[in-house]
Amino acid sequence: EGEADGVVFRLFGPFTARDIYNSLSLD
């Protein structure tokens, strides 16, 4: 937060259905 007037999302690792859904809940 706080980068001037915005938000920066830094993503690390593969961004795939298998990896996301194995790591996070549906909500």
PDB file of all heavy atoms in Angstrom:
ATOM      1  N   GLU A   1       0.845  -1.203   0.000  1.00  0.00           N
ATOM      2  CA  GLU A   1       0.000   0.000   0.000  1.00  0.00           C
ATOM      3  C   GLU A   1       0.872   1.243   0.000  1.00  0.00           C
ATOM      4  O   GLU A   1       2.019   1.208   0.405  1.00  0.00           O
ATOM      5  CB  GLU A   1      -0.877   0.035   1.256  1.00  0.00           C
ATOM      6  CG  GLU A   1      -1.806  -1.126   1.406  1.00  0.00           C
ATOM      7  CD  GLU A   1      -3.132  -0.942   0.712  1.00  0.00           C
ATOM      8  OE1 GLU A   1      -3.429   0.178   0.277  1.00  0.00           O
ATOM      9  OE2 GLU A   1      -3.859  -1.934   0.598  1.00  0.00           O
ATOM     10  N   GLY A   2       0.277   2.339  -0.433  1.00  0.00           N
ATOM     11  CA  GLY A   2       0.911   3.631  -0.279  1.00  0.00           C
ATOM     12  C   GLY A   2       1.865   4.046  -1.375  1.00  0.00           C
ATOM     13  O   GLY A   2       2.535   5.044  -1.237  1.00  0.00           O
ATOM     14  N   GLU A   3       1.996   3.285  -2.436  1.00  0.00           N
ATOM     15  CA  GLU A   3       2.806   3.704  -3.568  1.00  0.00           C
ATOM     16  C   GLU A   3       2.083   4.871  -4.225  1.00  0.00           C
ATOM     17  O   GLU A   3       1.182   4.683  -5.024  1.00  0.00           O
ATOM     18  CB  GLU A   3       2.993   2.559  -4.556  1.00  0.00           C
ATOM     19  CG  GLU A   3       3.757   1.383  -4.017  1.00  0.00           C
ATOM     20  CD  GLU A   3       5.251   1.604  -4.049  1.00  0.00           C
ATOM     21  OE1 GLU A   3       5.709   2.401  -4.882  1.00  0.00           O
ATOM     22  OE2 GLU A   3       5.942   0.996  -3.226  1.00  0.00           O
ATOM     23  N   ALA A   4       2.455   6.089  -3.857  1.00  0.00           N
ATOM     24  CA  ALA A   4       1.785   7.316  -4.329  1.00  0.00           C
ATOM     25  C   ALA A   4       0.300   7.211  -3.991  1.00  0.00           C
ATOM     26  O   ALA A   4      -0.088   7.300  -2.850  1.00  0.00           O
ATOM     27  CB  ALA A   4       2.042   7.546  -5.803  1.00  0.00           C
ATOM     28  N   ASP A   5      -0.533   6.962  -4.985  1.00  0.00           N
ATOM     29  CA  ASP A   5      -1.976   6.877  -4.734  1.00  0.00           C
ATOM     30  C   ASP A   5      -2.510   5.488  -5.051  1.00  0.00           C
ATOM     31  O   ASP A   5      -3.669   5.324  -5.340  1.00  0.00           O
ATOM     32  CB  ASP A   5      -2.723   7.936  -5.549  1.00  0.00           C
ATOM     33  CG  ASP A   5      -2.544   7.741  -7.047  1.00  0.00           C
ATOM     34  OD1 ASP A   5      -1.676   6.942  -7.441  1.00  0.00           O
ATOM     35  OD2 ASP A   5      -3.273   8.377  -7.812  1.00  0.00           O
ATOM     36  N   GLY A   6      -1.640   4.475  -5.007  1.00  0.00           N
ATOM     37  CA  GLY A   6      -2.098   3.155  -5.424  1.00  0.00           C
ATOM     38  C   GLY A   6      -1.559   2.007  -4.606  1.00  0.00           C
ATOM     39  O   GLY A   6      -0.918   2.176  -3.582  1.00  0.00           O
ATOM     40  N   VAL A   7      -1.860   0.820  -5.106  1.00  0.00           N
ATOM     41  CA  VAL A   7      -1.464  -0.435  -4.487  1.00  0.00           C
ATOM     42  C   VAL A   7      -0.664  -1.223  -5.511  1.00  0.00           C
ATOM     43  O   VAL A   7      -1.016  -1.269  -6.689  1.00  0.00           O
ATOM     44  CB  VAL A   7      -2.713  -1.264  -4.084  1.00  0.00           C
ATOM     45  CG1 VAL A   7      -2.313  -2.604  -3.511  1.00  0.00           C
ATOM     46  CG2 VAL A   7      -3.576  -0.499  -3.116  1.00  0.00           C
ATOM     47  N   VAL A   8       0.418  -1.858  -5.050  1.00  0.00           N
ATOM     48  CA  VAL A   8       1.203  -2.735  -5.909  1.00  0.00           C
ATOM     49  C   VAL A   8       1.022  -4.155  -5.400  1.00  0.00           C
ATOM     50  O   VAL A   8       1.211  -4.437  -4.220  1.00  0.00           O
ATOM     51  CB  VAL A   8       2.705  -2.354  -5.906  1.00  0.00           C
ATOM     52  CG1 VAL A   8       3.511  -3.348  -6.718  1.00  0.00           C
ATOM     53  CG2 VAL A   8       2.904  -0.942  -6.423  1.00  0.00           C
ATOM     54  N   PHE A   9       0.624  -5.043  -6.309  1.00  0.00           N
ATOM     55  CA  PHE A   9       0.537  -6.470  -6.009  1.00  0.00           C
ATOM     56  C   PHE A   9       1.743  -7.133  -6.662  1.00  0.00           C
ATOM     57  O   PHE A   9       1.880  -7.099  -7.882  1.00  0.00           O
ATOM     58  CB  PHE A   9      -0.744  -7.082  -6.588  1.00  0.00           C
ATOM     59  CG  PHE A   9      -2.012  -6.557  -5.974  1.00  0.00           C
ATOM     60  CD1 PHE A   9      -2.706  -5.526  -6.575  1.00  0.00           C
ATOM     61  CD2 PHE A   9      -2.506  -7.102  -4.803  1.00  0.00           C
ATOM     62  CE1 PHE A   9      -3.882  -5.038  -6.031  1.00  0.00           C
ATOM     63  CE2 PHE A   9      -3.685  -6.622  -4.245  1.00  0.00           C
ATOM     64  CZ  PHE A   9      -4.372  -5.586  -4.856  1.00  0.00           C
ATOM     65  N   ARG A  10       2.616  -7.719  -5.834  1.00  0.00           N
ATOM     66  CA  ARG A  10       3.773  -8.450  -6.361  1.00  0.00           C
ATOM     67  C   ARG A  10       3.455  -9.937  -6.254  1.00  0.00           C
ATOM     68  O   ARG A  10       3.216 -10.447  -5.166  1.00  0.00           O
ATOM     69  CB  ARG A  10       5.021  -8.098  -5.575  1.00  0.00           C
ATOM     70  CG  ARG A  10       5.496  -6.698  -5.860  1.00  0.00           C
ATOM     71  CD  ARG A  10       6.879  -6.434  -5.248  1.00  0.00           C
ATOM     72  NE  ARG A  10       7.299  -5.096  -5.608  1.00  0.00           N
ATOM     73  CZ  ARG A  10       7.074  -4.022  -4.840  1.00  0.00           C
ATOM     74  NH1 ARG A  10       6.468  -4.160  -3.685  1.00  0.00           N
ATOM     75  NH2 ARG A  10       7.474  -2.836  -5.234  1.00  0.00           N
ATOM     76  N   LEU A  11       3.441 -10.603  -7.396  1.00  0.00           N
ATOM     77  CA  LEU A  11       3.127 -12.024  -7.431  1.00  0.00           C
ATOM     78  C   LEU A  11       4.412 -12.819  -7.576  1.00  0.00           C
ATOM     79  O   LEU A  11       5.298 -12.442  -8.360  1.00  0.00           O
ATOM     80  CB  LEU A  11       2.184 -12.333  -8.591  1.00  0.00           C
ATOM     81  CG  LEU A  11       0.713 -11.948  -8.379  1.00  0.00           C
ATOM     82  CD1 LEU A  11       0.514 -10.450  -8.346  1.00  0.00           C
ATOM     83  CD2 LEU A  11      -0.145 -12.557  -9.443  1.00  0.00           C
ATOM     84  N   PHE A  12       4.503 -13.915  -6.831  1.00  0.00           N
ATOM     85  CA  PHE A  12       5.667 -14.782  -6.856  1.00  0.00           C
ATOM     86  C   PHE A  12       5.207 -16.210  -7.097  1.00  0.00           C
ATOM     87  O   PHE A  12       4.262 -16.670  -6.470  1.00  0.00           O
ATOM     88  CB  PHE A  12       6.414 -14.730  -5.509  1.00  0.00           C
ATOM     89  CG  PHE A  12       6.905 -13.366  -5.132  1.00  0.00           C
ATOM     90  CD1 PHE A  12       6.087 -12.489  -4.438  1.00  0.00           C
ATOM     91  CD2 PHE A  12       8.178 -12.951  -5.477  1.00  0.00           C
ATOM     92  CE1 PHE A  12       6.521 -11.232  -4.078  1.00  0.00           C
ATOM     93  CE2 PHE A  12       8.631 -11.691  -5.130  1.00  0.00           C
ATOM     94  CZ  PHE A  12       7.804 -10.826  -4.429  1.00  0.00           C
ATOM     95  N   GLY A  13       5.873 -16.910  -7.990  1.00  0.00           N
ATOM     96  CA  GLY A  13       5.551 -18.302  -8.265  1.00  0.00           C
ATOM     97  C   GLY A  13       4.534 -18.439  -9.381  1.00  0.00           C
ATOM     98  O   GLY A  13       4.044 -17.448  -9.920  1.00  0.00           O
ATOM     99  N   PRO A  14       4.212 -19.672  -9.734  1.00  0.00           N
ATOM    100  CA  PRO A  14       3.262 -19.914 -10.821  1.00  0.00           C
ATOM    101  C   PRO A  14       1.862 -19.430 -10.454  1.00  0.00           C
ATOM    102  O   PRO A  14       1.438 -19.562  -9.314  1.00  0.00           O
ATOM    103  CB  PRO A  14       3.297 -21.428 -11.002  1.00  0.00           C
ATOM    104  CG  PRO A  14       3.805 -21.960  -9.712  1.00  0.00           C
ATOM    105  CD  PRO A  14       4.685 -20.904  -9.130  1.00  0.00           C
ATOM    106  N   PHE A  15       1.186 -18.854 -11.429  1.00  0.00           N
ATOM    107  CA  PHE A  15      -0.161 -18.320 -11.219  1.00  0.00           C
ATOM    108  C   PHE A  15      -1.112 -19.187 -12.024  1.00  0.00           C
ATOM    109  O   PHE A  15      -1.562 -18.817 -13.099  1.00  0.00           O
ATOM    110  CB  PHE A  15      -0.183 -16.858 -11.654  1.00  0.00           C
ATOM    111  CG  PHE A  15      -1.312 -16.054 -11.089  1.00  0.00           C
ATOM    112  CD1 PHE A  15      -1.639 -16.105  -9.746  1.00  0.00           C
ATOM    113  CD2 PHE A  15      -2.047 -15.228 -11.901  1.00  0.00           C
ATOM    114  CE1 PHE A  15      -2.683 -15.348  -9.226  1.00  0.00           C
ATOM    115  CE2 PHE A  15      -3.086 -14.471 -11.400  1.00  0.00           C
ATOM    116  CZ  PHE A  15      -3.398 -14.533 -10.065  1.00  0.00           C
ATOM    117  N   THR A  16      -1.390 -20.394 -11.483  1.00  0.00           N
ATOM    118  CA  THR A  16      -2.222 -21.373 -12.180  1.00  0.00           C
ATOM    119  C   THR A  16      -3.351 -21.831 -11.265  1.00  0.00           C
ATOM    120  O   THR A  16      -3.274 -21.676 -10.039  1.00  0.00           O
ATOM    121  CB  THR A  16      -1.399 -22.611 -12.592  1.00  0.00           C
ATOM    122  OG1 THR A  16      -0.974 -23.295 -11.409  1.00  0.00           O
ATOM    123  CG2 THR A  16      -0.194 -22.241 -13.442  1.00  0.00           C
ATOM    124  N   ALA A  17      -4.379 -22.405 -11.853  1.00  0.00           N
ATOM    125  CA  ALA A  17      -5.525 -22.897 -11.077  1.00  0.00           C
ATOM    126  C   ALA A  17      -5.070 -23.902 -10.030  1.00  0.00           C
ATOM    127  O   ALA A  17      -5.455 -23.812  -8.858  1.00  0.00           O
ATOM    128  CB  ALA A  17      -6.562 -23.517 -12.008  1.00  0.00           C
ATOM    129  N   ARG A  18      -4.254 -24.848 -10.422  1.00  0.00           N
ATOM    130  CA  ARG A  18      -3.814 -25.889  -9.489  1.00  0.00           C
ATOM    131  C   ARG A  18      -3.085 -25.281  -8.298  1.00  0.00           C
ATOM    132  O   ARG A  18      -3.362 -25.616  -7.149  1.00  0.00           O
ATOM    133  CB  ARG A  18      -2.911 -26.892 -10.199  1.00  0.00           C
ATOM    134  CG  ARG A  18      -2.402 -27.982  -9.262  1.00  0.00           C
ATOM    135  CD  ARG A  18      -1.553 -28.977  -9.964  1.00  0.00           C
ATOM    136  NE  ARG A  18      -0.256 -28.382 -10.244  1.00  0.00           N
ATOM    137  CZ  ARG A  18       0.744 -29.037 -10.779  1.00  0.00           C
ATOM    138  NH1 ARG A  18       0.583 -30.288 -11.145  1.00  0.00           N
ATOM    139  NH2 ARG A  18       1.887 -28.466 -10.986  1.00  0.00           N
ATOM    140  N   ASP A  19      -2.169 -24.364  -8.564  1.00  0.00           N
ATOM    141  CA  ASP A  19      -1.383 -23.790  -7.482  1.00  0.00           C
ATOM    142  C   ASP A  19      -2.199 -22.839  -6.610  1.00  0.00           C
ATOM    143  O   ASP A  19      -2.062 -22.842  -5.395  1.00  0.00           O
ATOM    144  CB  ASP A  19      -0.154 -23.070  -8.061  1.00  0.00           C
ATOM    145  CG  ASP A  19       0.752 -24.041  -8.793  1.00  0.00           C
ATOM    146  OD1 ASP A  19       1.082 -25.089  -8.217  1.00  0.00           O
ATOM    147  OD2 ASP A  19       1.118 -23.762  -9.942  1.00  0.00           O
ATOM    148  N   ILE A  20      -3.061 -22.039  -7.218  1.00  0.00           N
ATOM    149  CA  ILE A  20      -3.880 -21.097  -6.456  1.00  0.00           C
ATOM    150  C   ILE A  20      -4.882 -21.849  -5.577  1.00  0.00           C
ATOM    151  O   ILE A  20      -5.002 -21.588  -4.378  1.00  0.00           O
ATOM    152  CB  ILE A  20      -4.622 -20.121  -7.397  1.00  0.00           C
ATOM    153  CG1 ILE A  20      -3.625 -19.180  -8.077  1.00  0.00           C
ATOM    154  CG2 ILE A  20      -5.676 -19.327  -6.648  1.00  0.00           C
ATOM    155  CD1 ILE A  20      -2.993 -18.156  -7.195  1.00  0.00           C
ATOM    156  N   TYR A  21      -5.635 -22.792  -6.172  1.00  0.00           N
ATOM    157  CA  TYR A  21      -6.674 -23.487  -5.404  1.00  0.00           C
ATOM    158  C   TYR A  21      -6.100 -24.459  -4.380  1.00  0.00           C
ATOM    159  O   TYR A  21      -6.775 -24.798  -3.419  1.00  0.00           O
ATOM    160  CB  TYR A  21      -7.664 -24.189  -6.335  1.00  0.00           C
ATOM    161  CG  TYR A  21      -8.598 -23.211  -6.998  1.00  0.00           C
ATOM    162  CD1 TYR A  21      -8.601 -23.046  -8.374  1.00  0.00           C
ATOM    163  CD2 TYR A  21      -9.477 -22.441  -6.249  1.00  0.00           C
ATOM    164  CE1 TYR A  21      -9.457 -22.133  -8.989  1.00  0.00           C
ATOM    165  CE2 TYR A  21     -10.335 -21.527  -6.848  1.00  0.00           C
ATOM    166  CZ  TYR A  21     -10.314 -21.383  -8.211  1.00  0.00           C
ATOM    167  OH  TYR A  21     -11.148 -20.478  -8.805  1.00  0.00           O
ATOM    168  N   ASN A  22      -4.855 -24.903  -4.560  1.00  0.00           N
ATOM    169  CA  ASN A  22      -4.220 -25.731  -3.541  1.00  0.00           C
ATOM    170  C   ASN A  22      -3.731 -24.896  -2.364  1.00  0.00           C
ATOM    171  O   ASN A  22      -3.466 -25.424  -1.296  1.00  0.00           O
ATOM    172  CB  ASN A  22      -3.046 -26.520  -4.120  1.00  0.00           C
ATOM    173  CG  ASN A  22      -3.496 -27.721  -4.908  1.00  0.00           C
ATOM    174  OD1 ASN A  22      -4.595 -28.231  -4.722  1.00  0.00           O
ATOM    175  ND2 ASN A  22      -2.660 -28.171  -5.822  1.00  0.00           N
ATOM    176  N   SER A  23      -3.598 -23.588  -2.568  1.00  0.00           N
ATOM    177  CA  SER A  23      -3.042 -22.706  -1.541  1.00  0.00           C
ATOM    178  C   SER A  23      -4.086 -21.872  -0.819  1.00  0.00           C
ATOM    179  O   SER A  23      -3.877 -21.474   0.315  1.00  0.00           O
ATOM    180  CB  SER A  23      -2.031 -21.746  -2.171  1.00  0.00           C
ATOM    181  OG  SER A  23      -1.000 -22.457  -2.795  1.00  0.00           O
ATOM    182  N   LEU A  24      -5.204 -21.567  -1.480  1.00  0.00           N
ATOM    183  CA  LEU A  24      -6.178 -20.632  -0.923  1.00  0.00           C
ATOM    184  C   LEU A  24      -7.580 -21.233  -0.943  1.00  0.00           C
ATOM    185  O   LEU A  24      -7.889 -22.073  -1.779  1.00  0.00           O
ATOM    186  CB  LEU A  24      -6.186 -19.341  -1.749  1.00  0.00           C
ATOM    187  CG  LEU A  24      -4.877 -18.573  -1.833  1.00  0.00           C
ATOM    188  CD1 LEU A  24      -4.974 -17.499  -2.899  1.00  0.00           C
ATOM    189  CD2 LEU A  24      -4.536 -17.970  -0.495  1.00  0.00           C
ATOM    190  N   SER A  25      -8.419 -20.716  -0.047  1.00  0.00           N
ATOM    191  CA  SER A  25      -9.820 -21.137  -0.053  1.00  0.00           C
ATOM    192  C   SER A  25     -10.536 -20.472  -1.227  1.00  0.00           C
ATOM    193  O   SER A  25     -10.060 -19.479  -1.787  1.00  0.00           O
ATOM    194  CB  SER A  25     -10.496 -20.733   1.255  1.00  0.00           C
ATOM    195  OG  SER A  25     -10.651 -19.325   1.308  1.00  0.00           O
ATOM    196  N   LEU A  26     -11.703 -20.982  -1.573  1.00  0.00           N
ATOM    197  CA  LEU A  26     -12.482 -20.420  -2.677  1.00  0.00           C
ATOM    198  C   LEU A  26     -12.838 -18.958  -2.417  1.00  0.00           C
ATOM    199  O   LEU A  26     -12.740 -18.122  -3.312  1.00  0.00           O
ATOM    200  CB  LEU A  26     -13.745 -21.252  -2.904  1.00  0.00           C
ATOM    201  CG  LEU A  26     -14.555 -20.938  -4.149  1.00  0.00           C
ATOM    202  CD1 LEU A  26     -13.705 -21.055  -5.403  1.00  0.00           C
ATOM    203  CD2 LEU A  26     -15.747 -21.864  -4.235  1.00  0.00           C
ATOM    204  N   ASP A  27     -13.218 -18.622  -1.182  1.00  0.00           N
ATOM    205  CA  ASP A  27     -13.536 -17.225  -0.842  1.00  0.00           C
ATOM    206  C   ASP A  27     -12.310 -16.334  -0.968  1.00  0.00           C
ATOM    207  O   ASP A  27     -12.403 -15.204  -1.440  1.00  0.00           O
ATOM    208  CB  ASP A  27     -14.109 -17.116   0.570  1.00  0.00           C
ATOM    209  CG  ASP A  27     -15.546 -17.601   0.644  1.00  0.00           C
ATOM    210  OD1 ASP A  27     -16.229 -17.600  -0.407  1.00  0.00           O
ATOM    211  OD2 ASP A  27     -15.987 -17.982   1.744  1.00  0.00           O
TER     212      ASP A  27
END
